């Protein structure tokens, strides 16, 4: 079975979230999603903001299952059949509260860039990123809730 899996570690500055064998991972790089299967060619990429989906390997008669994380920034490396994700921020989908995510989204949508901001473009980009992150949190919270996790 070892040739049908790869090892994965997901680490943030605060904690190790995953250290297990997987059969698949969908990784949000800064320039788009890419998939990881066992024996994938080596790579080094910058993480973007998005949903990291992982599929655990089956073991000892138990079904592996799936998990999703909101990741935002960091790096990902695949080498020697091992995937290492060093994320600036990673939140397991099951820890996201739908009501908190919806409140965060409402607050982000209500904010505007003040006309006297020093750098209008940077302020607009930061606001857009906050809105995108809040929308992703709502989507992941709903998805996780629908799966019954």
C-alpha atoms as a PDB file:
ATOM      1  CA  UNK A   1       0.000   0.000   0.000  1.00  0.00           C
ATOM      2  CA  UNK A   2       2.949   2.325   0.589  1.00  0.00           C
ATOM      3  CA  UNK A   3       3.295   3.042  -3.152  1.00  0.00           C
ATOM      4  CA  UNK A   4      -0.305   4.323  -3.221  1.00  0.00           C
ATOM      5  CA  UNK A   5       0.210   6.886  -0.477  1.00  0.00           C
ATOM      6  CA  UNK A   6       2.477   9.769   0.420  1.00  0.00           C
ATOM      7  CA  UNK A   7       3.329  11.320   3.745  1.00  0.00           C
ATOM      8  CA  UNK A   8       1.993  14.782   4.549  1.00  0.00           C
ATOM      9  CA  UNK A   9       2.770  17.317   7.242  1.00  0.00           C
ATOM     10  CA  UNK A  10       0.821  20.546   7.701  1.00  0.00           C
ATOM     11  CA  UNK A  11       2.525  22.924  10.102  1.00  0.00           C
ATOM     12  CA  UNK A  12       1.845  26.488  11.232  1.00  0.00           C
ATOM     13  CA  UNK A  13       4.029  28.638  13.498  1.00  0.00           C
ATOM     14  CA  UNK A  14       1.777  27.600  16.389  1.00  0.00           C
ATOM     15  CA  UNK A  15       1.078  23.892  15.819  1.00  0.00           C
ATOM     16  CA  UNK A  16       1.355  20.719  13.766  1.00  0.00           C
ATOM     17  CA  UNK A  17      -2.069  19.992  12.254  1.00  0.00           C
ATOM     18  CA  UNK A  18      -1.385  16.922  10.107  1.00  0.00           C
ATOM     19  CA  UNK A  19       1.309  14.245  10.162  1.00  0.00           C
ATOM     20  CA  UNK A  20      -0.176  11.279   8.308  1.00  0.00           C
ATOM     21  CA  UNK A  21      -0.364   9.259   5.089  1.00  0.00           C
ATOM     22  CA  UNK A  22      -2.609  10.559   2.316  1.00  0.00           C
ATOM     23  CA  UNK A  23      -3.809   9.398  -1.070  1.00  0.00           C
ATOM     24  CA  UNK A  24      -4.546  12.892  -2.453  1.00  0.00           C
ATOM     25  CA  UNK A  25      -4.212  16.579  -1.636  1.00  0.00           C
ATOM     26  CA  UNK A  26      -5.581  19.650  -3.408  1.00  0.00           C
ATOM     27  CA  UNK A  27      -3.291  22.568  -2.596  1.00  0.00           C
ATOM     28  CA  UNK A  28      -4.066  26.278  -3.130  1.00  0.00           C
ATOM     29  CA  UNK A  29      -0.870  27.782  -4.521  1.00  0.00           C
ATOM     30  CA  UNK A  30      -0.640  31.546  -4.964  1.00  0.00           C
ATOM     31  CA  UNK A  31      -1.332  31.139  -8.696  1.00  0.00           C
ATOM     32  CA  UNK A  32      -4.003  28.401  -8.590  1.00  0.00           C
ATOM     33  CA  UNK A  33      -4.836  24.930  -7.294  1.00  0.00           C
ATOM     34  CA  UNK A  34      -2.706  21.876  -7.932  1.00  0.00           C
ATOM     35  CA  UNK A  35      -3.223  18.249  -7.012  1.00  0.00           C
ATOM     36  CA  UNK A  36      -0.787  15.912  -5.323  1.00  0.00           C
ATOM     37  CA  UNK A  37      -0.803  12.144  -5.818  1.00  0.00           C
ATOM     38  CA  UNK A  38       1.746   9.561  -4.656  1.00  0.00           C
ATOM     39  CA  UNK A  39       5.148   9.749  -6.377  1.00  0.00           C
ATOM     40  CA  UNK A  40       4.507  13.270  -7.694  1.00  0.00           C
ATOM     41  CA  UNK A  41       7.489  15.080  -9.167  1.00  0.00           C
ATOM     42  CA  UNK A  42       9.326  17.343  -6.727  1.00  0.00           C
ATOM     43  CA  UNK A  43       8.169  20.930  -6.415  1.00  0.00           C
ATOM     44  CA  UNK A  44       8.438  24.006  -4.272  1.00  0.00           C
ATOM     45  CA  UNK A  45       5.622  26.571  -4.394  1.00  0.00           C
ATOM     46  CA  UNK A  46       4.216  29.534  -2.539  1.00  0.00           C
ATOM     47  CA  UNK A  47       0.853  28.959  -0.851  1.00  0.00           C
ATOM     48  CA  UNK A  48      -2.024  31.267  -1.543  1.00  0.00           C
ATOM     49  CA  UNK A  49      -5.281  31.665   0.295  1.00  0.00           C
ATOM     50  CA  UNK A  50      -7.791  28.890  -0.259  1.00  0.00           C
ATOM     51  CA  UNK A  51      -9.071  25.490   0.713  1.00  0.00           C
ATOM     52  CA  UNK A  52      -6.569  22.715   1.311  1.00  0.00           C
ATOM     53  CA  UNK A  53      -8.349  19.375   0.822  1.00  0.00           C
ATOM     54  CA  UNK A  54      -6.687  16.183   1.957  1.00  0.00           C
ATOM     55  CA  UNK A  55      -7.768  12.553   1.598  1.00  0.00           C
ATOM     56  CA  UNK A  56      -6.403  10.173   4.221  1.00  0.00           C
ATOM     57  CA  UNK A  57      -5.253   6.679   3.347  1.00  0.00           C
ATOM     58  CA  UNK A  58      -7.314   3.702   4.488  1.00  0.00           C
ATOM     59  CA  UNK A  59      -5.705   1.629   7.207  1.00  0.00           C
ATOM     60  CA  UNK A  60      -6.495  -1.525   9.145  1.00  0.00           C
ATOM     61  CA  UNK A  61     -10.007  -1.801   7.714  1.00  0.00           C
ATOM     62  CA  UNK A  62     -10.902   1.820   8.486  1.00  0.00           C
ATOM     63  CA  UNK A  63     -11.878   4.259   5.760  1.00  0.00           C
ATOM     64  CA  UNK A  64      -9.489   7.185   5.506  1.00  0.00           C
ATOM     65  CA  UNK A  65     -11.838  10.139   5.079  1.00  0.00           C
ATOM     66  CA  UNK A  66     -11.333  13.757   4.031  1.00  0.00           C
ATOM     67  CA  UNK A  67     -10.537  17.044   5.753  1.00  0.00           C
ATOM     68  CA  UNK A  68     -10.450  20.635   4.624  1.00  0.00           C
ATOM     69  CA  UNK A  69      -8.416  23.541   5.953  1.00  0.00           C
ATOM     70  CA  UNK A  70      -8.444  27.244   5.247  1.00  0.00           C
ATOM     71  CA  UNK A  71      -4.817  28.081   4.493  1.00  0.00           C
ATOM     72  CA  UNK A  72      -3.395  31.528   3.930  1.00  0.00           C
ATOM     73  CA  UNK A  73       0.216  32.071   2.956  1.00  0.00           C
ATOM     74  CA  UNK A  74       3.337  30.020   3.377  1.00  0.00           C
ATOM     75  CA  UNK A  75       5.128  27.417   1.297  1.00  0.00           C
ATOM     76  CA  UNK A  76       4.616  23.858   0.088  1.00  0.00           C
ATOM     77  CA  UNK A  77       7.286  21.321  -0.824  1.00  0.00           C
ATOM     78  CA  UNK A  78       6.955  17.894  -2.404  1.00  0.00           C
ATOM     79  CA  UNK A  79      10.062  15.703  -2.379  1.00  0.00           C
ATOM     80  CA  UNK A  80      10.752  12.001  -1.884  1.00  0.00           C
ATOM     81  CA  UNK A  81       7.030  11.175  -1.751  1.00  0.00           C
ATOM     82  CA  UNK A  82       6.550  13.571   1.173  1.00  0.00           C
ATOM     83  CA  UNK A  83       4.410  16.719   1.112  1.00  0.00           C
ATOM     84  CA  UNK A  84       5.297  19.448   3.600  1.00  0.00           C
ATOM     85  CA  UNK A  85       3.015  22.456   3.979  1.00  0.00           C
ATOM     86  CA  UNK A  86       4.386  25.330   6.045  1.00  0.00           C
ATOM     87  CA  UNK A  87       1.383  27.621   6.365  1.00  0.00           C
ATOM     88  CA  UNK A  88       1.342  31.077   7.896  1.00  0.00           C
ATOM     89  CA  UNK A  89      -2.254  30.345   8.873  1.00  0.00           C
ATOM     90  CA  UNK A  90      -4.266  27.108   8.682  1.00  0.00           C
ATOM     91  CA  UNK A  91      -7.654  26.536  10.264  1.00  0.00           C
ATOM     92  CA  UNK A  92      -9.328  23.106  10.191  1.00  0.00           C
ATOM     93  CA  UNK A  93     -12.751  23.335   8.556  1.00  0.00           C
ATOM     94  CA  UNK A  94     -14.419  21.658  11.525  1.00  0.00           C
ATOM     95  CA  UNK A  95     -13.235  24.496  13.788  1.00  0.00           C
ATOM     96  CA  UNK A  96     -14.977  27.176  11.729  1.00  0.00           C
ATOM     97  CA  UNK A  97     -18.211  28.517  13.153  1.00  0.00           C
ATOM     98  CA  UNK A  98     -20.800  29.439  10.521  1.00  0.00           C
ATOM     99  CA  UNK A  99     -22.267  32.253  12.626  1.00  0.00           C
ATOM    100  CA  UNK A 100     -18.825  33.757  13.336  1.00  0.00           C
ATOM    101  CA  UNK A 101     -17.828  33.445   9.666  1.00  0.00           C
ATOM    102  CA  UNK A 102     -21.054  35.133   8.529  1.00  0.00           C
ATOM    103  CA  UNK A 103     -20.523  37.959  11.046  1.00  0.00           C
ATOM    104  CA  UNK A 104     -16.953  38.392   9.812  1.00  0.00           C
ATOM    105  CA  UNK A 105     -18.197  38.520   6.214  1.00  0.00           C
ATOM    106  CA  UNK A 106     -20.875  41.108   7.042  1.00  0.00           C
ATOM    107  CA  UNK A 107     -18.287  43.258   8.821  1.00  0.00           C
ATOM    108  CA  UNK A 108     -15.835  42.971   5.901  1.00  0.00           C
ATOM    109  CA  UNK A 109     -18.536  43.904   3.388  1.00  0.00           C
ATOM    110  CA  UNK A 110     -19.563  46.918   5.472  1.00  0.00           C
ATOM    111  CA  UNK A 111     -16.029  48.338   5.644  1.00  0.00           C
ATOM    112  CA  UNK A 112     -14.852  50.917   3.127  1.00  0.00           C
ATOM    113  CA  UNK A 113     -11.476  52.421   2.408  1.00  0.00           C
ATOM    114  CA  UNK A 114     -11.335  55.973   3.762  1.00  0.00           C
ATOM    115  CA  UNK A 115     -10.814  58.582   1.049  1.00  0.00           C
ATOM    116  CA  UNK A 116      -7.786  59.985   2.894  1.00  0.00           C
ATOM    117  CA  UNK A 117      -5.933  56.627   3.104  1.00  0.00           C
ATOM    118  CA  UNK A 118      -2.212  56.991   2.329  1.00  0.00           C
ATOM    119  CA  UNK A 119      -2.158  54.147  -0.197  1.00  0.00           C
ATOM    120  CA  UNK A 120      -5.608  53.616  -1.725  1.00  0.00           C
ATOM    121  CA  UNK A 121      -4.526  50.628  -3.827  1.00  0.00           C
ATOM    122  CA  UNK A 122      -2.970  48.773  -0.876  1.00  0.00           C
ATOM    123  CA  UNK A 123      -5.980  49.528   1.324  1.00  0.00           C
ATOM    124  CA  UNK A 124      -8.371  48.244  -1.378  1.00  0.00           C
ATOM    125  CA  UNK A 125      -6.279  45.080  -1.815  1.00  0.00           C
ATOM    126  CA  UNK A 126      -6.262  44.412   1.945  1.00  0.00           C
ATOM    127  CA  UNK A 127     -10.019  44.911   2.138  1.00  0.00           C
ATOM    128  CA  UNK A 128     -10.591  42.600  -0.845  1.00  0.00           C
ATOM    129  CA  UNK A 129      -8.380  39.936   0.798  1.00  0.00           C
ATOM    130  CA  UNK A 130     -10.341  40.218   4.066  1.00  0.00           C
ATOM    131  CA  UNK A 131     -13.614  39.794   2.155  1.00  0.00           C
ATOM    132  CA  UNK A 132     -12.264  36.822   0.196  1.00  0.00           C
ATOM    133  CA  UNK A 133     -11.037  35.154   3.417  1.00  0.00           C
ATOM    134  CA  UNK A 134     -14.422  35.700   5.105  1.00  0.00           C
ATOM    135  CA  UNK A 135     -16.283  34.283   2.078  1.00  0.00           C
ATOM    136  CA  UNK A 136     -14.022  31.228   2.123  1.00  0.00           C
ATOM    137  CA  UNK A 137     -14.652  30.751   5.852  1.00  0.00           C
ATOM    138  CA  UNK A 138     -18.430  30.823   5.255  1.00  0.00           C
ATOM    139  CA  UNK A 139     -18.145  28.324   2.390  1.00  0.00           C
ATOM    140  CA  UNK A 140     -15.949  25.943   4.394  1.00  0.00           C
ATOM    141  CA  UNK A 141     -18.123  26.226   7.506  1.00  0.00           C
ATOM    142  CA  UNK A 142     -21.225  25.371   5.441  1.00  0.00           C
ATOM    143  CA  UNK A 143     -19.450  22.508   3.673  1.00  0.00           C
ATOM    144  CA  UNK A 144     -18.132  21.014   6.900  1.00  0.00           C
ATOM    145  CA  UNK A 145     -21.543  21.348   8.523  1.00  0.00           C
ATOM    146  CA  UNK A 146     -23.200  19.611   5.556  1.00  0.00           C
ATOM    147  CA  UNK A 147     -20.783  16.669   5.896  1.00  0.00           C
ATOM    148  CA  UNK A 148     -21.712  16.361   9.564  1.00  0.00           C
ATOM    149  CA  UNK A 149     -18.200  16.916  10.853  1.00  0.00           C
END
